[in-house]
Amino acid sequence: MRSELIGMDVEVLSAPCYAWIAGRIVDETKNTFTVATARSERMVPKKGNQFKFMHHNEEFVIAGSEILHRPEDRIKKVR
């Protein structure tokens, strides 16, 4: 997962308190995503959640614990 995630469509697949959150990623930190939904912006922790991303009409699921890096460091760390 070496590409920019901000601007991608995402759906949170795990953690009952974050279930049904879907929208577009508007910000990313080392530990969280900020997702713009139809109603508001929600901050979702990466750790303990799985995310379904849409990229070039393809869906893929990534565990948040696999991408616990600062966005600018992801290219160097994720293989």
N, C-alpha and C. Protein backbone atom coordinates (compact mmCIF):
# COMPACT_ATOMS: atom_id res chain seq x y z
N MET A 1 0.85 -1.18 0.00
CA MET A 1 0.00 0.00 0.00
C MET A 1 0.88 1.22 0.00
N ARG A 2 1.46 1.50 -1.13
CA ARG A 2 2.42 2.59 -1.20
C ARG A 2 1.84 3.87 -1.79
N SER A 3 0.59 3.87 -2.16
CA SER A 3 0.02 5.06 -2.78
C SER A 3 -0.60 6.00 -1.75
N GLU A 4 -0.95 7.16 -2.19
CA GLU A 4 -1.62 8.16 -1.35
C GLU A 4 -3.03 7.69 -1.04
N LEU A 5 -3.42 7.71 0.22
CA LEU A 5 -4.74 7.24 0.61
C LEU A 5 -5.75 8.39 0.71
N ILE A 6 -5.27 9.60 0.91
CA ILE A 6 -6.18 10.74 1.00
C ILE A 6 -6.88 10.90 -0.35
N GLY A 7 -8.19 11.00 -0.30
CA GLY A 7 -9.00 11.11 -1.50
C GLY A 7 -9.64 9.81 -1.94
N MET A 8 -9.20 8.69 -1.36
CA MET A 8 -9.77 7.39 -1.72
C MET A 8 -11.08 7.16 -0.98
N ASP A 9 -11.97 6.39 -1.61
CA ASP A 9 -13.20 5.96 -0.95
C ASP A 9 -12.85 4.79 -0.04
N VAL A 10 -13.45 4.79 1.16
CA VAL A 10 -13.13 3.76 2.15
C VAL A 10 -14.38 3.38 2.91
N GLU A 11 -14.39 2.12 3.39
CA GLU A 11 -15.45 1.63 4.26
C GLU A 11 -14.78 0.90 5.42
N VAL A 12 -15.22 1.18 6.64
CA VAL A 12 -14.68 0.51 7.82
C VAL A 12 -15.43 -0.81 7.99
N LEU A 13 -14.68 -1.92 8.08
CA LEU A 13 -15.30 -3.24 8.12
C LEU A 13 -15.38 -3.85 9.51
N SER A 14 -14.67 -3.31 10.47
CA SER A 14 -14.65 -3.93 11.79
C SER A 14 -14.93 -2.91 12.88
N ALA A 15 -14.91 -3.37 14.11
CA ALA A 15 -15.17 -2.55 15.29
C ALA A 15 -16.60 -2.00 15.27
N PRO A 16 -17.47 -2.55 16.10
CA PRO A 16 -18.89 -2.16 16.09
C PRO A 16 -19.14 -0.66 16.23
N CYS A 17 -18.32 0.03 16.99
CA CYS A 17 -18.56 1.46 17.16
C CYS A 17 -18.21 2.26 15.91
N TYR A 18 -17.48 1.66 14.97
CA TYR A 18 -17.14 2.34 13.72
C TYR A 18 -17.82 1.71 12.51
N ALA A 19 -18.66 0.71 12.75
CA ALA A 19 -19.33 0.03 11.65
C ALA A 19 -20.20 1.02 10.87
N TRP A 20 -20.33 0.76 9.62
CA TRP A 20 -21.16 1.56 8.72
C TRP A 20 -20.57 2.93 8.40
N ILE A 21 -19.33 3.16 8.78
CA ILE A 21 -18.69 4.41 8.36
C ILE A 21 -18.11 4.17 6.98
N ALA A 22 -18.54 4.99 6.05
CA ALA A 22 -18.04 4.91 4.68
C ALA A 22 -17.99 6.31 4.13
N GLY A 23 -17.00 6.57 3.34
CA GLY A 23 -16.87 7.90 2.75
C GLY A 23 -15.51 8.05 2.10
N ARG A 24 -15.01 9.27 2.11
CA ARG A 24 -13.74 9.59 1.47
C ARG A 24 -12.74 10.02 2.53
N ILE A 25 -11.52 9.53 2.43
CA ILE A 25 -10.48 9.92 3.38
C ILE A 25 -10.06 11.36 3.07
N VAL A 26 -10.14 12.21 4.10
CA VAL A 26 -9.76 13.62 3.92
C VAL A 26 -8.49 13.97 4.67
N ASP A 27 -8.07 13.12 5.61
CA ASP A 27 -6.83 13.37 6.34
C ASP A 27 -6.33 12.04 6.90
N GLU A 28 -5.01 11.97 7.09
CA GLU A 28 -4.40 10.76 7.64
C GLU A 28 -3.25 11.15 8.55
N THR A 29 -3.18 10.47 9.68
CA THR A 29 -2.04 10.60 10.57
C THR A 29 -1.43 9.21 10.74
N LYS A 30 -0.44 9.11 11.60
CA LYS A 30 0.18 7.81 11.84
C LYS A 30 -0.83 6.79 12.35
N ASN A 31 -1.76 7.22 13.20
CA ASN A 31 -2.67 6.29 13.86
C ASN A 31 -4.12 6.39 13.44
N THR A 32 -4.51 7.38 12.65
CA THR A 32 -5.92 7.58 12.34
C THR A 32 -6.16 7.98 10.88
N PHE A 33 -7.40 7.76 10.46
CA PHE A 33 -7.93 8.33 9.22
C PHE A 33 -9.07 9.27 9.61
N THR A 34 -9.23 10.35 8.90
CA THR A 34 -10.42 11.18 9.02
C THR A 34 -11.24 10.93 7.76
N VAL A 35 -12.47 10.45 7.97
CA VAL A 35 -13.33 10.05 6.87
C VAL A 35 -14.50 11.01 6.78
N ALA A 36 -14.68 11.62 5.61
CA ALA A 36 -15.83 12.49 5.38
C ALA A 36 -17.00 11.63 4.93
N THR A 37 -18.03 11.57 5.76
CA THR A 37 -19.24 10.82 5.43
C THR A 37 -20.28 11.79 4.91
N ALA A 38 -21.47 11.30 4.62
CA ALA A 38 -22.54 12.16 4.12
C ALA A 38 -22.96 13.18 5.18
N ARG A 39 -22.81 12.83 6.46
CA ARG A 39 -23.27 13.71 7.53
C ARG A 39 -22.17 14.54 8.18
N SER A 40 -20.97 13.97 8.34
CA SER A 40 -19.92 14.67 9.07
C SER A 40 -18.57 14.04 8.76
N GLU A 41 -17.56 14.51 9.46
CA GLU A 41 -16.24 13.90 9.39
C GLU A 41 -16.02 13.08 10.65
N ARG A 42 -15.53 11.85 10.49
CA ARG A 42 -15.30 10.95 11.63
C ARG A 42 -13.83 10.55 11.65
N MET A 43 -13.23 10.57 12.82
CA MET A 43 -11.86 10.12 12.98
C MET A 43 -11.90 8.65 13.41
N VAL A 44 -11.21 7.80 12.66
CA VAL A 44 -11.23 6.36 12.89
C VAL A 44 -9.80 5.88 13.13
N PRO A 45 -9.55 5.19 14.23
CA PRO A 45 -8.21 4.67 14.47
C PRO A 45 -7.88 3.54 13.50
N LYS A 46 -6.63 3.48 13.08
CA LYS A 46 -6.19 2.41 12.18
C LYS A 46 -6.10 1.09 12.94
N LYS A 47 -5.49 1.13 14.11
CA LYS A 47 -5.25 -0.09 14.88
C LYS A 47 -6.58 -0.73 15.29
N GLY A 48 -6.71 -2.02 15.02
CA GLY A 48 -7.89 -2.76 15.41
C GLY A 48 -9.03 -2.71 14.40
N ASN A 49 -8.84 -2.04 13.30
CA ASN A 49 -9.88 -1.95 12.27
C ASN A 49 -9.37 -2.49 10.95
N GLN A 50 -10.31 -2.91 10.11
CA GLN A 50 -10.00 -3.27 8.73
C GLN A 50 -10.72 -2.28 7.83
N PHE A 51 -10.08 -1.96 6.72
CA PHE A 51 -10.61 -0.96 5.80
C PHE A 51 -10.71 -1.54 4.40
N LYS A 52 -11.84 -1.26 3.74
CA LYS A 52 -12.01 -1.65 2.35
C LYS A 52 -11.85 -0.39 1.51
N PHE A 53 -10.84 -0.38 0.64
CA PHE A 53 -10.54 0.76 -0.20
C PHE A 53 -10.97 0.50 -1.63
N MET A 54 -11.32 1.55 -2.34
CA MET A 54 -11.58 1.49 -3.78
C MET A 54 -10.47 2.27 -4.47
N HIS A 55 -9.78 1.60 -5.42
CA HIS A 55 -8.70 2.25 -6.15
C HIS A 55 -8.74 1.76 -7.59
N HIS A 56 -8.96 2.66 -8.52
CA HIS A 56 -9.06 2.31 -9.95
C HIS A 56 -10.06 1.19 -10.18
N ASN A 57 -11.25 1.33 -9.60
CA ASN A 57 -12.35 0.36 -9.74
C ASN A 57 -12.01 -1.03 -9.19
N GLU A 58 -11.04 -1.12 -8.29
CA GLU A 58 -10.72 -2.37 -7.62
C GLU A 58 -10.90 -2.19 -6.13
N GLU A 59 -11.44 -3.20 -5.48
CA GLU A 59 -11.61 -3.17 -4.03
C GLU A 59 -10.50 -4.01 -3.39
N PHE A 60 -9.97 -3.54 -2.29
CA PHE A 60 -9.03 -4.33 -1.52
C PHE A 60 -9.18 -4.00 -0.05
N VAL A 61 -8.91 -5.00 0.80
CA VAL A 61 -9.06 -4.87 2.25
C VAL A 61 -7.69 -4.89 2.89
N ILE A 62 -7.47 -3.94 3.79
CA ILE A 62 -6.19 -3.84 4.49
C ILE A 62 -6.46 -3.69 5.97
N ALA A 63 -5.72 -4.41 6.78
CA ALA A 63 -5.79 -4.24 8.24
C ALA A 63 -5.07 -2.95 8.60
N GLY A 64 -5.68 -2.17 9.45
CA GLY A 64 -5.08 -0.90 9.86
C GLY A 64 -3.73 -1.06 10.51
N SER A 65 -3.51 -2.18 11.19
CA SER A 65 -2.22 -2.40 11.84
C SER A 65 -1.08 -2.55 10.83
N GLU A 66 -1.39 -2.87 9.58
CA GLU A 66 -0.37 -3.00 8.54
C GLU A 66 0.09 -1.65 8.01
N ILE A 67 -0.68 -0.61 8.26
CA ILE A 67 -0.34 0.71 7.73
C ILE A 67 -0.21 1.75 8.84
N LEU A 68 0.27 1.31 9.99
CA LEU A 68 0.50 2.24 11.11
C LEU A 68 1.81 2.99 10.90
N HIS A 69 1.83 3.82 9.89
CA HIS A 69 2.99 4.65 9.57
C HIS A 69 2.50 6.05 9.25
N ARG A 70 3.39 7.00 9.39
CA ARG A 70 3.05 8.33 8.90
C ARG A 70 2.91 8.24 7.39
N PRO A 71 2.00 9.00 6.81
CA PRO A 71 1.79 8.89 5.36
C PRO A 71 3.07 9.11 4.56
N GLU A 72 3.90 10.03 4.98
CA GLU A 72 5.13 10.32 4.22
C GLU A 72 6.18 9.22 4.36
N ASP A 73 6.05 8.36 5.36
CA ASP A 73 7.01 7.26 5.55
C ASP A 73 6.53 5.94 4.95
N ARG A 74 5.30 5.88 4.50
CA ARG A 74 4.73 4.61 4.02
C ARG A 74 5.52 4.05 2.83
N ILE A 75 5.98 4.88 1.94
CA ILE A 75 6.70 4.39 0.75
C ILE A 75 7.98 3.67 1.15
N LYS A 76 8.62 4.12 2.21
CA LYS A 76 9.87 3.49 2.64
C LYS A 76 9.62 2.21 3.43
N LYS A 77 8.50 2.13 4.20
CA LYS A 77 8.29 1.03 5.13
C LYS A 77 7.44 -0.10 4.60
N VAL A 78 6.41 0.18 3.84
CA VAL A 78 5.50 -0.85 3.35
C VAL A 78 6.06 -1.48 2.10
N ARG A 79 6.08 -2.79 2.06
CA ARG A 79 6.63 -3.49 0.90
C ARG A 79 5.60 -4.37 0.27
